[in-house]
Amino acid sequence: MYSRSPQFGTGQRSLINPPTYIEYKGARFLIVDAPSNNNLPLYIEEFNRWNVTDVVRCCYATYSPALLEEKGIEVHDWVFGDGEAPPVPIVEAWLKLVDERFPSQQEGEQGQNNNSSIPCIATHCVAGLGRAPVLVAIALIELGMPALDAVAYIRERRRGAINNKQLKYIEMYKRRSKSKCIIS
């Protein structure tokens, strides 16, 4: 018959679609489907569990950000088309956020030992299968993972993620230059 998702938090209620945790080189991401005002408290339990500092909405708002902001979680509205690749300004804003939350990863250091103190960025679109996983794939590529490995890594954890159009975008995505010019 149907199996329900595992019980989270208090064990009384659970999310229908459990979050997908992605970690690479100390950078931590949580891919979820879109919360509603009714089930937002369940998402907040999960966000607290993973030390989520930021939520990136890639779709139109389905809930008020007020409750998240009260909990100290910053909400970023970076909406782009369903099934589409993100436009350049959204990619730039996303990478700036990733750089800010995981600065040591940009310098090649490994993450801290205590996972509860490492920030985590949650991202969602409507179903958590297209736009949100594409942003996470971009971050993984920037951290040094080959593009197709990033897609496979995400798909192993979130079945059905990333459509063919988005896959082509990720295959063509060019990592930012990490070289720094120092004049002495």
N, C-alpha and C. Protein backbone atom coordinates (compact mmCIF):
# COMPACT_ATOMS: atom_id res chain seq x y z
N MET A 1 0.84 -1.17 0.00
CA MET A 1 0.00 0.00 0.00
C MET A 1 0.89 1.24 0.00
N TYR A 2 0.37 2.35 0.46
CA TYR A 2 1.13 3.59 0.50
C TYR A 2 1.97 3.64 1.76
N SER A 3 3.19 4.13 1.60
CA SER A 3 4.02 4.33 2.79
C SER A 3 4.13 5.82 3.05
N ARG A 4 4.09 6.19 4.29
CA ARG A 4 4.19 7.59 4.67
C ARG A 4 5.65 7.93 4.92
N SER A 5 5.95 9.20 4.87
CA SER A 5 7.31 9.63 5.15
C SER A 5 7.62 9.40 6.62
N PRO A 6 8.89 9.28 6.97
CA PRO A 6 9.24 9.07 8.37
C PRO A 6 8.77 10.22 9.25
N GLN A 7 8.54 9.93 10.51
CA GLN A 7 8.09 10.94 11.46
C GLN A 7 9.26 11.86 11.80
N PHE A 8 9.03 13.16 11.76
CA PHE A 8 10.04 14.14 12.11
C PHE A 8 9.59 14.90 13.34
N GLY A 9 10.54 15.54 13.99
CA GLY A 9 10.21 16.42 15.11
C GLY A 9 9.55 15.69 16.26
N THR A 10 8.33 16.07 16.58
CA THR A 10 7.63 15.53 17.74
C THR A 10 7.10 14.13 17.50
N GLY A 11 7.08 13.68 16.24
CA GLY A 11 6.56 12.36 15.93
C GLY A 11 5.06 12.35 15.75
N GLN A 12 4.39 13.48 15.92
CA GLN A 12 2.94 13.53 15.79
C GLN A 12 2.51 13.70 14.34
N ARG A 13 3.22 14.52 13.60
CA ARG A 13 2.89 14.77 12.20
C ARG A 13 4.18 14.72 11.39
N SER A 14 4.05 14.52 10.09
CA SER A 14 5.24 14.50 9.25
C SER A 14 4.93 15.22 7.94
N LEU A 15 5.99 15.56 7.25
CA LEU A 15 5.85 16.15 5.93
C LEU A 15 5.55 15.04 4.94
N ILE A 16 4.73 15.31 3.96
CA ILE A 16 4.42 14.31 2.95
C ILE A 16 5.67 13.99 2.14
N ASN A 17 6.39 15.01 1.73
CA ASN A 17 7.64 14.84 1.00
C ASN A 17 8.79 15.28 1.89
N PRO A 18 9.56 14.34 2.40
CA PRO A 18 10.65 14.72 3.30
C PRO A 18 11.69 15.58 2.58
N PRO A 19 12.37 16.45 3.31
CA PRO A 19 13.42 17.27 2.72
C PRO A 19 14.59 16.41 2.24
N THR A 20 15.31 16.92 1.27
CA THR A 20 16.49 16.25 0.76
C THR A 20 17.71 17.04 1.20
N TYR A 21 18.57 16.38 1.97
CA TYR A 21 19.78 17.00 2.50
C TYR A 21 20.94 16.74 1.54
N ILE A 22 21.62 17.81 1.16
CA ILE A 22 22.78 17.72 0.26
C ILE A 22 23.95 18.40 0.97
N GLU A 23 25.05 17.68 1.11
CA GLU A 23 26.26 18.27 1.70
C GLU A 23 27.44 17.92 0.82
N TYR A 24 28.29 18.93 0.61
CA TYR A 24 29.49 18.72 -0.19
C TYR A 24 30.54 19.72 0.27
N LYS A 25 31.70 19.22 0.64
CA LYS A 25 32.81 20.05 1.10
C LYS A 25 32.37 21.04 2.18
N GLY A 26 31.50 20.60 3.06
CA GLY A 26 31.07 21.43 4.18
C GLY A 26 29.93 22.39 3.89
N ALA A 27 29.55 22.54 2.62
CA ALA A 27 28.39 23.37 2.28
C ALA A 27 27.15 22.50 2.41
N ARG A 28 26.11 23.04 3.04
CA ARG A 28 24.91 22.25 3.36
C ARG A 28 23.67 22.89 2.76
N PHE A 29 22.86 22.05 2.10
CA PHE A 29 21.65 22.51 1.44
C PHE A 29 20.51 21.57 1.78
N LEU A 30 19.31 22.12 1.82
CA LEU A 30 18.10 21.34 2.05
C LEU A 30 17.12 21.69 0.94
N ILE A 31 16.75 20.70 0.12
CA ILE A 31 15.79 20.91 -0.96
C ILE A 31 14.43 20.43 -0.46
N VAL A 32 13.44 21.32 -0.55
CA VAL A 32 12.10 20.98 -0.08
C VAL A 32 11.07 21.42 -1.13
N ASP A 33 9.84 20.92 -0.96
CA ASP A 33 8.75 21.44 -1.78
C ASP A 33 8.20 22.68 -1.08
N ALA A 34 7.27 23.36 -1.72
CA ALA A 34 6.80 24.64 -1.19
C ALA A 34 5.91 24.45 0.04
N PRO A 35 6.29 25.06 1.14
CA PRO A 35 5.41 25.03 2.32
C PRO A 35 4.16 25.89 2.08
N SER A 36 3.17 25.68 2.93
CA SER A 36 1.99 26.55 2.95
C SER A 36 1.89 27.13 4.35
N ASN A 37 1.02 28.09 4.55
CA ASN A 37 0.84 28.64 5.90
C ASN A 37 0.41 27.54 6.88
N ASN A 38 -0.34 26.55 6.40
CA ASN A 38 -0.83 25.48 7.27
C ASN A 38 0.27 24.54 7.75
N ASN A 39 1.22 24.20 6.87
CA ASN A 39 2.24 23.23 7.27
C ASN A 39 3.61 23.86 7.55
N LEU A 40 3.69 25.17 7.51
CA LEU A 40 4.96 25.85 7.76
C LEU A 40 5.60 25.47 9.10
N PRO A 41 4.82 25.29 10.19
CA PRO A 41 5.46 24.87 11.45
C PRO A 41 6.24 23.55 11.34
N LEU A 42 5.77 22.63 10.50
CA LEU A 42 6.51 21.38 10.29
C LEU A 42 7.83 21.64 9.58
N TYR A 43 7.80 22.54 8.61
CA TYR A 43 9.04 22.89 7.91
C TYR A 43 10.01 23.58 8.87
N ILE A 44 9.49 24.43 9.72
CA ILE A 44 10.35 25.13 10.68
C ILE A 44 11.04 24.13 11.61
N GLU A 45 10.33 23.07 12.02
CA GLU A 45 10.97 22.02 12.82
C GLU A 45 12.17 21.43 12.07
N GLU A 46 11.97 21.14 10.79
CA GLU A 46 13.06 20.59 9.99
C GLU A 46 14.17 21.62 9.81
N PHE A 47 13.80 22.86 9.57
CA PHE A 47 14.81 23.90 9.38
C PHE A 47 15.65 24.06 10.65
N ASN A 48 15.02 23.99 11.81
CA ASN A 48 15.78 24.06 13.07
C ASN A 48 16.71 22.86 13.21
N ARG A 49 16.22 21.70 12.83
CA ARG A 49 17.03 20.47 12.91
C ARG A 49 18.31 20.58 12.09
N TRP A 50 18.23 21.23 10.95
CA TRP A 50 19.38 21.34 10.04
C TRP A 50 20.11 22.68 10.14
N ASN A 51 19.72 23.53 11.09
CA ASN A 51 20.35 24.85 11.27
C ASN A 51 20.22 25.71 10.01
N VAL A 52 19.03 25.75 9.44
CA VAL A 52 18.77 26.56 8.24
C VAL A 52 18.82 28.04 8.63
N THR A 53 19.64 28.79 7.90
CA THR A 53 19.76 30.23 8.13
C THR A 53 19.03 31.04 7.06
N ASP A 54 18.81 30.40 5.91
CA ASP A 54 18.21 31.09 4.77
C ASP A 54 17.27 30.14 4.04
N VAL A 55 16.16 30.70 3.54
CA VAL A 55 15.26 29.96 2.67
C VAL A 55 15.17 30.73 1.36
N VAL A 56 15.45 30.04 0.26
CA VAL A 56 15.37 30.63 -1.07
C VAL A 56 14.11 30.11 -1.74
N ARG A 57 13.20 31.04 -2.05
CA ARG A 57 11.97 30.69 -2.76
C ARG A 57 12.18 30.93 -4.25
N CYS A 58 12.08 29.87 -5.04
CA CYS A 58 12.23 29.97 -6.49
C CYS A 58 10.88 30.04 -7.19
N CYS A 59 9.81 30.00 -6.41
CA CYS A 59 8.46 30.08 -6.96
C CYS A 59 7.71 31.19 -6.23
N TYR A 60 6.53 31.49 -6.71
CA TYR A 60 5.75 32.53 -6.05
C TYR A 60 5.39 32.09 -4.64
N ALA A 61 5.26 33.04 -3.75
CA ALA A 61 5.04 32.77 -2.33
C ALA A 61 3.75 32.00 -2.09
N THR A 62 3.88 30.96 -1.26
CA THR A 62 2.71 30.17 -0.85
C THR A 62 2.50 30.28 0.66
N TYR A 63 3.30 31.13 1.30
CA TYR A 63 3.22 31.32 2.75
C TYR A 63 3.83 32.67 3.09
N SER A 64 3.47 33.17 4.24
CA SER A 64 4.04 34.42 4.73
C SER A 64 5.43 34.16 5.31
N PRO A 65 6.40 35.00 5.01
CA PRO A 65 7.74 34.81 5.56
C PRO A 65 7.87 35.21 7.03
N ALA A 66 6.84 35.82 7.59
CA ALA A 66 6.93 36.40 8.94
C ALA A 66 7.36 35.39 9.99
N LEU A 67 6.80 34.18 9.98
CA LEU A 67 7.15 33.18 10.99
C LEU A 67 8.61 32.74 10.87
N LEU A 68 9.08 32.61 9.65
CA LEU A 68 10.49 32.27 9.44
C LEU A 68 11.40 33.39 9.93
N GLU A 69 11.04 34.61 9.58
CA GLU A 69 11.85 35.76 9.99
C GLU A 69 11.88 35.90 11.51
N GLU A 70 10.76 35.59 12.18
CA GLU A 70 10.73 35.61 13.65
C GLU A 70 11.72 34.61 14.24
N LYS A 71 11.96 33.51 13.52
CA LYS A 71 12.89 32.47 13.97
C LYS A 71 14.32 32.75 13.52
N GLY A 72 14.54 33.92 12.91
CA GLY A 72 15.89 34.30 12.49
C GLY A 72 16.31 33.71 11.16
N ILE A 73 15.35 33.22 10.38
CA ILE A 73 15.65 32.65 9.06
C ILE A 73 15.33 33.70 8.00
N GLU A 74 16.32 34.02 7.19
CA GLU A 74 16.15 35.02 6.15
C GLU A 74 15.51 34.38 4.92
N VAL A 75 14.50 35.04 4.35
CA VAL A 75 13.80 34.53 3.17
C VAL A 75 14.20 35.37 1.96
N HIS A 76 14.61 34.68 0.90
CA HIS A 76 15.03 35.32 -0.36
C HIS A 76 14.04 34.91 -1.44
N ASP A 77 13.41 35.88 -2.08
CA ASP A 77 12.48 35.60 -3.17
C ASP A 77 13.20 35.77 -4.50
N TRP A 78 13.63 34.65 -5.07
CA TRP A 78 14.33 34.63 -6.35
C TRP A 78 13.55 33.75 -7.31
N VAL A 79 12.44 34.28 -7.78
CA VAL A 79 11.50 33.53 -8.60
C VAL A 79 11.96 33.50 -10.05
N PHE A 80 11.90 32.32 -10.64
CA PHE A 80 12.11 32.17 -12.08
C PHE A 80 11.20 31.07 -12.59
N GLY A 81 11.07 30.97 -13.91
CA GLY A 81 10.06 30.13 -14.53
C GLY A 81 10.17 28.65 -14.22
N ASP A 82 9.02 28.01 -14.07
CA ASP A 82 8.95 26.58 -13.82
C ASP A 82 9.57 25.83 -14.99
N GLY A 83 10.47 24.90 -14.69
CA GLY A 83 11.14 24.11 -15.72
C GLY A 83 12.25 24.83 -16.43
N GLU A 84 12.54 26.05 -16.01
CA GLU A 84 13.55 26.88 -16.68
C GLU A 84 14.87 26.89 -15.91
N ALA A 85 15.89 27.39 -16.56
CA ALA A 85 17.16 27.66 -15.90
C ALA A 85 17.08 29.05 -15.27
N PRO A 86 17.84 29.28 -14.22
CA PRO A 86 17.78 30.60 -13.57
C PRO A 86 18.46 31.68 -14.41
N PRO A 87 17.90 32.88 -14.40
CA PRO A 87 18.57 33.99 -15.10
C PRO A 87 19.85 34.41 -14.35
N VAL A 88 20.73 35.07 -15.05
CA VAL A 88 22.04 35.46 -14.50
C VAL A 88 21.93 36.22 -13.17
N PRO A 89 21.04 37.21 -13.03
CA PRO A 89 20.99 37.92 -11.75
C PRO A 89 20.65 36.99 -10.56
N ILE A 90 19.83 35.99 -10.79
CA ILE A 90 19.50 35.05 -9.71
C ILE A 90 20.69 34.16 -9.41
N VAL A 91 21.39 33.70 -10.44
CA VAL A 91 22.60 32.89 -10.21
C VAL A 91 23.62 33.70 -9.42
N GLU A 92 23.81 34.95 -9.77
CA GLU A 92 24.77 35.80 -9.05
C GLU A 92 24.36 35.99 -7.59
N ALA A 93 23.08 36.25 -7.35
CA ALA A 93 22.60 36.42 -5.97
C ALA A 93 22.76 35.11 -5.19
N TRP A 94 22.44 33.98 -5.81
CA TRP A 94 22.58 32.67 -5.17
C TRP A 94 24.04 32.40 -4.79
N LEU A 95 24.95 32.64 -5.72
CA LEU A 95 26.36 32.37 -5.45
C LEU A 95 26.92 33.31 -4.38
N LYS A 96 26.42 34.53 -4.36
CA LYS A 96 26.83 35.47 -3.30
C LYS A 96 26.38 34.92 -1.94
N LEU A 97 25.15 34.42 -1.86
CA LEU A 97 24.65 33.84 -0.62
C LEU A 97 25.48 32.62 -0.21
N VAL A 98 25.76 31.75 -1.16
CA VAL A 98 26.58 30.56 -0.88
C VAL A 98 27.95 30.97 -0.36
N ASP A 99 28.56 31.95 -1.01
CA ASP A 99 29.88 32.45 -0.58
C ASP A 99 29.82 33.02 0.84
N GLU A 100 28.75 33.75 1.14
CA GLU A 100 28.61 34.36 2.47
C GLU A 100 28.40 33.32 3.56
N ARG A 101 27.60 32.30 3.29
CA ARG A 101 27.29 31.29 4.31
C ARG A 101 28.39 30.27 4.49
N PHE A 102 29.16 30.01 3.44
CA PHE A 102 30.22 28.99 3.50
C PHE A 102 31.56 29.57 3.05
N PRO A 103 32.06 30.59 3.73
CA PRO A 103 33.29 31.25 3.27
C PRO A 103 34.51 30.35 3.30
N SER A 104 34.63 29.46 4.26
CA SER A 104 35.82 28.62 4.34
C SER A 104 35.88 27.63 3.19
N GLN A 105 34.72 27.24 2.63
CA GLN A 105 34.70 26.32 1.51
C GLN A 105 35.28 26.98 0.26
N GLN A 106 35.13 28.29 0.16
CA GLN A 106 35.67 28.99 -0.99
C GLN A 106 37.20 29.04 -0.94
N GLU A 107 37.76 28.89 0.25
CA GLU A 107 39.20 28.91 0.41
C GLU A 107 39.78 27.51 0.43
N GLY A 108 38.95 26.49 0.18
CA GLY A 108 39.43 25.13 0.10
C GLY A 108 39.51 24.41 1.43
N GLU A 109 39.02 25.01 2.51
CA GLU A 109 39.06 24.35 3.81
C GLU A 109 37.90 23.39 3.93
N GLN A 110 38.07 22.38 4.76
CA GLN A 110 36.97 21.47 5.05
C GLN A 110 36.07 22.11 6.08
N GLY A 111 34.83 21.63 6.14
CA GLY A 111 33.85 22.15 7.08
C GLY A 111 34.22 21.88 8.52
N GLN A 112 33.54 22.57 9.43
CA GLN A 112 33.75 22.38 10.85
C GLN A 112 33.25 21.00 11.26
N ASN A 113 33.71 20.52 12.41
CA ASN A 113 33.31 19.20 12.87
C ASN A 113 31.90 19.17 13.42
N ASN A 114 31.42 20.25 13.98
CA ASN A 114 30.12 20.28 14.62
C ASN A 114 29.07 20.71 13.61
N ASN A 115 28.33 19.74 13.03
CA ASN A 115 27.32 20.04 12.01
C ASN A 115 26.23 20.97 12.50
N SER A 116 25.93 20.95 13.80
CA SER A 116 24.84 21.79 14.30
C SER A 116 25.17 23.27 14.23
N SER A 117 26.46 23.62 14.12
CA SER A 117 26.83 25.03 14.05
C SER A 117 27.05 25.50 12.61
N ILE A 118 27.09 24.58 11.66
CA ILE A 118 27.29 24.95 10.26
C ILE A 118 25.95 25.37 9.67
N PRO A 119 25.91 26.52 9.01
CA PRO A 119 24.64 26.95 8.41
C PRO A 119 24.19 25.98 7.32
N CYS A 120 22.93 26.06 7.00
CA CYS A 120 22.33 25.27 5.92
C CYS A 120 21.39 26.20 5.17
N ILE A 121 21.42 26.13 3.85
CA ILE A 121 20.52 26.93 3.02
C ILE A 121 19.43 26.00 2.50
N ALA A 122 18.18 26.33 2.80
CA ALA A 122 17.04 25.59 2.25
C ALA A 122 16.57 26.32 1.00
N THR A 123 16.19 25.55 0.00
CA THR A 123 15.67 26.14 -1.21
C THR A 123 14.48 25.32 -1.68
N HIS A 124 13.49 26.01 -2.23
CA HIS A 124 12.32 25.30 -2.72
C HIS A 124 11.71 25.98 -3.93
N CYS A 125 11.06 25.13 -4.72
CA CYS A 125 10.16 25.57 -5.78
C CYS A 125 8.83 24.92 -5.43
N VAL A 126 7.97 24.67 -6.36
CA VAL A 126 6.67 24.10 -6.00
C VAL A 126 6.83 22.67 -5.49
N ALA A 127 7.49 21.81 -6.29
CA ALA A 127 7.64 20.40 -5.90
C ALA A 127 9.05 20.06 -5.43
N GLY A 128 9.99 20.98 -5.56
CA GLY A 128 11.36 20.70 -5.17
C GLY A 128 12.06 19.76 -6.13
N LEU A 129 11.66 19.80 -7.40
CA LEU A 129 12.24 18.89 -8.39
C LEU A 129 12.98 19.60 -9.52
N GLY A 130 12.76 20.88 -9.72
CA GLY A 130 13.37 21.57 -10.84
C GLY A 130 14.23 22.74 -10.44
N ARG A 131 13.59 23.85 -10.16
CA ARG A 131 14.33 25.09 -9.90
C ARG A 131 15.25 24.98 -8.69
N ALA A 132 14.75 24.46 -7.58
CA ALA A 132 15.57 24.36 -6.37
C ALA A 132 16.79 23.44 -6.57
N PRO A 133 16.62 22.24 -7.14
CA PRO A 133 17.80 21.40 -7.37
C PRO A 133 18.81 22.01 -8.34
N VAL A 134 18.33 22.80 -9.31
CA VAL A 134 19.26 23.45 -10.25
C VAL A 134 20.18 24.41 -9.49
N LEU A 135 19.62 25.20 -8.57
CA LEU A 135 20.47 26.11 -7.79
C LEU A 135 21.49 25.33 -6.98
N VAL A 136 21.08 24.23 -6.37
CA VAL A 136 22.02 23.42 -5.58
C VAL A 136 23.10 22.83 -6.49
N ALA A 137 22.72 22.37 -7.68
CA ALA A 137 23.71 21.84 -8.62
C ALA A 137 24.75 22.90 -8.99
N ILE A 138 24.30 24.13 -9.19
CA ILE A 138 25.24 25.23 -9.50
C ILE A 138 26.23 25.40 -8.35
N ALA A 139 25.74 25.37 -7.12
CA ALA A 139 26.63 25.51 -5.96
C ALA A 139 27.64 24.37 -5.91
N LEU A 140 27.19 23.15 -6.18
CA LEU A 140 28.10 22.00 -6.15
C LEU A 140 29.19 22.14 -7.22
N ILE A 141 28.80 22.62 -8.40
CA ILE A 141 29.77 22.84 -9.47
C ILE A 141 30.80 23.89 -9.04
N GLU A 142 30.31 24.96 -8.43
CA GLU A 142 31.22 26.01 -7.96
C GLU A 142 32.18 25.50 -6.88
N LEU A 143 31.75 24.49 -6.15
CA LEU A 143 32.61 23.90 -5.11
C LEU A 143 33.54 22.83 -5.67
N GLY A 144 33.49 22.61 -6.99
CA GLY A 144 34.45 21.72 -7.63
C GLY A 144 33.90 20.40 -8.14
N MET A 145 32.62 20.13 -7.97
CA MET A 145 32.05 18.87 -8.46
C MET A 145 31.76 19.00 -9.95
N PRO A 146 32.12 18.01 -10.75
CA PRO A 146 31.76 18.06 -12.18
C PRO A 146 30.24 18.13 -12.36
N ALA A 147 29.81 18.79 -13.42
CA ALA A 147 28.39 19.07 -13.62
C ALA A 147 27.52 17.82 -13.60
N LEU A 148 27.87 16.81 -14.37
CA LEU A 148 27.03 15.62 -14.42
C LEU A 148 27.06 14.84 -13.10
N ASP A 149 28.18 14.91 -12.40
CA ASP A 149 28.25 14.29 -11.06
C ASP A 149 27.31 15.02 -10.10
N ALA A 150 27.21 16.34 -10.22
CA ALA A 150 26.32 17.12 -9.37
C ALA A 150 24.87 16.71 -9.61
N VAL A 151 24.49 16.53 -10.86
CA VAL A 151 23.13 16.10 -11.18
C VAL A 151 22.87 14.71 -10.63
N ALA A 152 23.81 13.79 -10.84
CA ALA A 152 23.63 12.42 -10.35
C ALA A 152 23.55 12.40 -8.82
N TYR A 153 24.38 13.19 -8.18
CA TYR A 153 24.41 13.26 -6.71
C TYR A 153 23.06 13.72 -6.17
N ILE A 154 22.48 14.74 -6.81
CA ILE A 154 21.17 15.24 -6.39
C ILE A 154 20.07 14.22 -6.71
N ARG A 155 20.11 13.65 -7.90
CA ARG A 155 19.07 12.70 -8.30
C ARG A 155 19.08 11.42 -7.44
N GLU A 156 20.25 11.02 -6.97
CA GLU A 156 20.32 9.86 -6.07
C GLU A 156 19.53 10.11 -4.79
N ARG A 157 19.47 11.38 -4.39
CA ARG A 157 18.83 11.75 -3.13
C ARG A 157 17.41 12.29 -3.33
N ARG A 158 17.14 12.83 -4.52
CA ARG A 158 15.81 13.41 -4.81
C ARG A 158 15.39 12.94 -6.20
N ARG A 159 14.73 11.83 -6.22
CA ARG A 159 14.33 11.18 -7.47
C ARG A 159 13.45 12.11 -8.31
N GLY A 160 13.75 12.17 -9.60
CA GLY A 160 12.97 12.99 -10.52
C GLY A 160 13.45 14.43 -10.63
N ALA A 161 14.53 14.76 -9.93
CA ALA A 161 15.02 16.14 -9.94
C ALA A 161 15.67 16.48 -11.29
N ILE A 162 15.48 17.70 -11.73
CA ILE A 162 16.14 18.32 -12.88
C ILE A 162 15.66 17.73 -14.20
N ASN A 163 14.92 18.55 -14.96
CA ASN A 163 14.41 18.10 -16.25
C ASN A 163 15.48 18.23 -17.34
N ASN A 164 15.16 17.79 -18.56
CA ASN A 164 16.14 17.78 -19.65
C ASN A 164 16.64 19.18 -20.02
N LYS A 165 15.75 20.15 -20.05
CA LYS A 165 16.15 21.53 -20.37
C LYS A 165 17.12 22.05 -19.31
N GLN A 166 16.82 21.78 -18.05
CA GLN A 166 17.71 22.21 -16.96
C GLN A 166 19.02 21.44 -17.00
N LEU A 167 18.98 20.16 -17.37
CA LEU A 167 20.19 19.36 -17.48
C LEU A 167 21.13 19.95 -18.53
N LYS A 168 20.57 20.35 -19.66
CA LYS A 168 21.40 20.97 -20.71
C LYS A 168 22.05 22.25 -20.19
N TYR A 169 21.29 23.04 -19.43
CA TYR A 169 21.84 24.26 -18.84
C TYR A 169 23.01 23.92 -17.91
N ILE A 170 22.83 22.93 -17.06
CA ILE A 170 23.88 22.55 -16.10
C ILE A 170 25.11 22.02 -16.84
N GLU A 171 24.89 21.24 -17.90
CA GLU A 171 26.02 20.74 -18.69
C GLU A 171 26.83 21.87 -19.30
N MET A 172 26.17 22.96 -19.67
CA MET A 172 26.84 24.10 -20.30
C MET A 172 27.33 25.14 -19.29
N TYR A 173 26.95 24.98 -18.03
CA TYR A 173 27.31 25.96 -17.00
C TYR A 173 28.82 26.03 -16.84
N LYS A 174 29.35 27.23 -16.80
CA LYS A 174 30.79 27.44 -16.62
C LYS A 174 31.06 27.96 -15.22
N ARG A 175 31.91 27.27 -14.51
CA ARG A 175 32.29 27.65 -13.15
C ARG A 175 33.02 29.00 -13.18
N ARG A 176 32.76 29.81 -12.14
CA ARG A 176 33.46 31.09 -12.03
C ARG A 176 34.94 30.83 -11.85
N SER A 177 35.75 31.75 -12.28
CA SER A 177 37.20 31.63 -12.08
C SER A 177 37.52 31.81 -10.61
N LYS A 178 38.33 30.92 -10.07
CA LYS A 178 38.72 31.00 -8.66
C LYS A 178 40.09 31.64 -8.50
N SER A 179 40.73 31.98 -9.61
CA SER A 179 42.08 32.56 -9.50
C SER A 179 42.00 33.98 -8.97
N LYS A 180 42.97 34.31 -8.15
CA LYS A 180 43.04 35.66 -7.59
C LYS A 180 44.37 36.27 -8.00
N CYS A 181 44.30 37.47 -8.51
CA CYS A 181 45.50 38.17 -8.94
C CYS A 181 46.03 38.98 -7.78
N ILE A 182 47.27 38.75 -7.43
CA ILE A 182 47.88 39.51 -6.34
C ILE A 182 49.10 40.24 -6.90
N ILE A 183 49.07 41.55 -6.81
CA ILE A 183 50.19 42.36 -7.30
C ILE A 183 51.03 42.75 -6.11
N SER A 184 52.32 42.44 -6.17
CA SER A 184 53.19 42.81 -5.05
C SER A 184 54.19 43.87 -5.43
